[in-house]
């Protein structure tokens, strides 16, 4: 392990900024780091730690996918608005194949 220094590298700065932008991910990483420390007084076996780690990695994956989906959805909406400025998105419950959403032209209503 590298000795601690007072200076923060550019890489560490970018990581901290990213984690501040995504506090849900920071929470997951803190939980994973917590598994490396046994300060809670409970003596666990390697199998128990492995099970806890697998669960935390699953949670991290789930959180990551949710964050990605939000970003991808916003990028898609922005891209469609830029490409079709006269269109708007409306929720249609009777269109399950499109997840309920479809584009509507503002001028024609179609």
Protein backbone atom coordinates (compact mmCIF):
# COMPACT_ATOMS: atom_id res chain seq x y z
CA UNK A 1 0.00 0.00 0.00
CA UNK A 2 1.19 3.48 -0.86
CA UNK A 3 2.02 5.76 2.06
CA UNK A 4 -0.47 8.60 2.67
CA UNK A 5 0.56 11.99 1.38
CA UNK A 6 -0.90 15.42 1.95
CA UNK A 7 -1.21 16.11 -1.78
CA UNK A 8 -4.17 14.87 -3.78
CA UNK A 9 -3.44 13.78 -7.32
CA UNK A 10 -5.49 14.80 -10.35
CA UNK A 11 -6.83 11.25 -10.51
CA UNK A 12 -7.99 11.41 -6.89
CA UNK A 13 -9.55 14.83 -7.48
CA UNK A 14 -11.53 13.53 -10.47
CA UNK A 15 -12.68 10.52 -8.43
CA UNK A 16 -13.80 12.70 -5.53
CA UNK A 17 -15.65 15.07 -7.87
CA UNK A 18 -17.39 12.14 -9.53
CA UNK A 19 -18.39 10.65 -6.19
CA UNK A 20 -19.71 14.02 -5.02
CA UNK A 21 -21.82 14.18 -8.18
CA UNK A 22 -23.12 10.66 -7.45
CA UNK A 23 -23.57 10.28 -3.67
CA UNK A 24 -25.31 6.93 -4.15
CA UNK A 25 -22.09 5.53 -5.63
CA UNK A 26 -20.06 7.04 -2.80
CA UNK A 27 -22.28 5.20 -0.34
CA UNK A 28 -21.65 1.89 -2.10
CA UNK A 29 -17.87 2.42 -2.20
CA UNK A 30 -17.86 3.36 1.49
CA UNK A 31 -19.67 0.11 2.28
CA UNK A 32 -17.12 -1.88 0.27
CA UNK A 33 -14.23 -0.10 2.00
CA UNK A 34 -15.91 -0.79 5.34
CA UNK A 35 -15.63 -4.51 4.66
CA UNK A 36 -11.84 -4.21 4.61
CA UNK A 37 -11.87 -2.97 8.21
CA UNK A 38 -12.89 -5.07 11.16
CA UNK A 39 -13.47 -2.20 13.56
CA UNK A 40 -17.03 -3.25 14.41
CA UNK A 41 -15.76 -5.89 16.85
CA UNK A 42 -17.38 -8.77 14.97
CA UNK A 43 -15.01 -11.52 13.90
CA UNK A 44 -16.10 -12.80 10.49
CA UNK A 45 -14.87 -15.64 8.33
CA UNK A 46 -13.53 -15.13 4.84
CA UNK A 47 -16.72 -16.74 3.47
CA UNK A 48 -18.89 -14.23 5.35
CA UNK A 49 -16.84 -11.30 4.08
CA UNK A 50 -17.01 -12.72 0.55
CA UNK A 51 -20.82 -12.99 0.77
CA UNK A 52 -21.06 -9.41 2.04
CA UNK A 53 -18.72 -8.21 -0.70
CA UNK A 54 -20.72 -9.97 -3.42
CA UNK A 55 -23.90 -8.32 -2.13
CA UNK A 56 -22.24 -4.89 -2.06
CA UNK A 57 -20.91 -5.36 -5.60
CA UNK A 58 -24.45 -6.26 -6.71
CA UNK A 59 -25.73 -3.08 -5.08
CA UNK A 60 -22.93 -1.11 -6.73
CA UNK A 61 -23.88 -2.58 -10.11
CA UNK A 62 -27.55 -1.78 -9.56
CA UNK A 63 -26.76 1.79 -8.50
CA UNK A 64 -24.41 2.22 -11.46
CA UNK A 65 -27.04 1.00 -13.91
CA UNK A 66 -29.64 3.37 -12.46
CA UNK A 67 -27.22 6.29 -12.72
CA UNK A 68 -26.33 5.32 -16.29
CA UNK A 69 -30.01 4.99 -17.24
CA UNK A 70 -30.81 8.47 -15.92
CA UNK A 71 -27.92 9.97 -17.86
CA UNK A 72 -28.74 8.02 -21.04
CA UNK A 73 -32.42 8.97 -20.85
CA UNK A 74 -31.59 12.64 -20.41
CA UNK A 75 -29.11 12.51 -23.32
CA UNK A 76 -31.72 10.82 -25.53
CA UNK A 77 -34.37 13.39 -24.65
CA UNK A 78 -31.96 16.26 -25.27
CA UNK A 79 -30.87 14.75 -28.58
CA UNK A 80 -34.45 14.26 -29.73
CA UNK A 81 -35.41 17.78 -28.70
CA UNK A 82 -32.45 19.17 -30.65
CA UNK A 83 -33.28 17.05 -33.69
CA UNK A 84 -37.05 17.62 -33.55
CA UNK A 85 -37.65 20.93 -31.73
CA UNK A 86 -41.37 20.99 -32.60
CA UNK A 87 -41.97 17.61 -30.95
CA UNK A 88 -42.84 16.88 -27.35
CA UNK A 89 -43.00 13.70 -25.30
CA UNK A 90 -46.30 12.57 -23.80
CA UNK A 91 -47.13 9.54 -21.71
CA UNK A 92 -49.58 7.16 -23.38
CA UNK A 93 -50.67 4.27 -21.16
CA UNK A 94 -52.00 2.25 -24.09
CA UNK A 95 -48.57 1.97 -25.76
CA UNK A 96 -46.77 -0.72 -23.68
CA UNK A 97 -44.27 -1.60 -26.42
CA UNK A 98 -42.78 1.91 -26.18
CA UNK A 99 -42.84 1.93 -22.40
CA UNK A 100 -45.80 4.28 -22.53
CA UNK A 101 -43.87 7.15 -24.12
CA UNK A 102 -44.10 8.39 -27.67
CA UNK A 103 -43.17 11.53 -29.52
CA UNK A 104 -45.87 13.92 -30.65
CA UNK A 105 -45.40 16.62 -33.26
CA UNK A 106 -46.51 19.90 -31.72
CA UNK A 107 -47.95 21.21 -34.98
CA UNK A 108 -49.90 18.18 -36.16
CA UNK A 109 -50.52 16.46 -32.81
CA UNK A 110 -49.52 13.12 -34.38
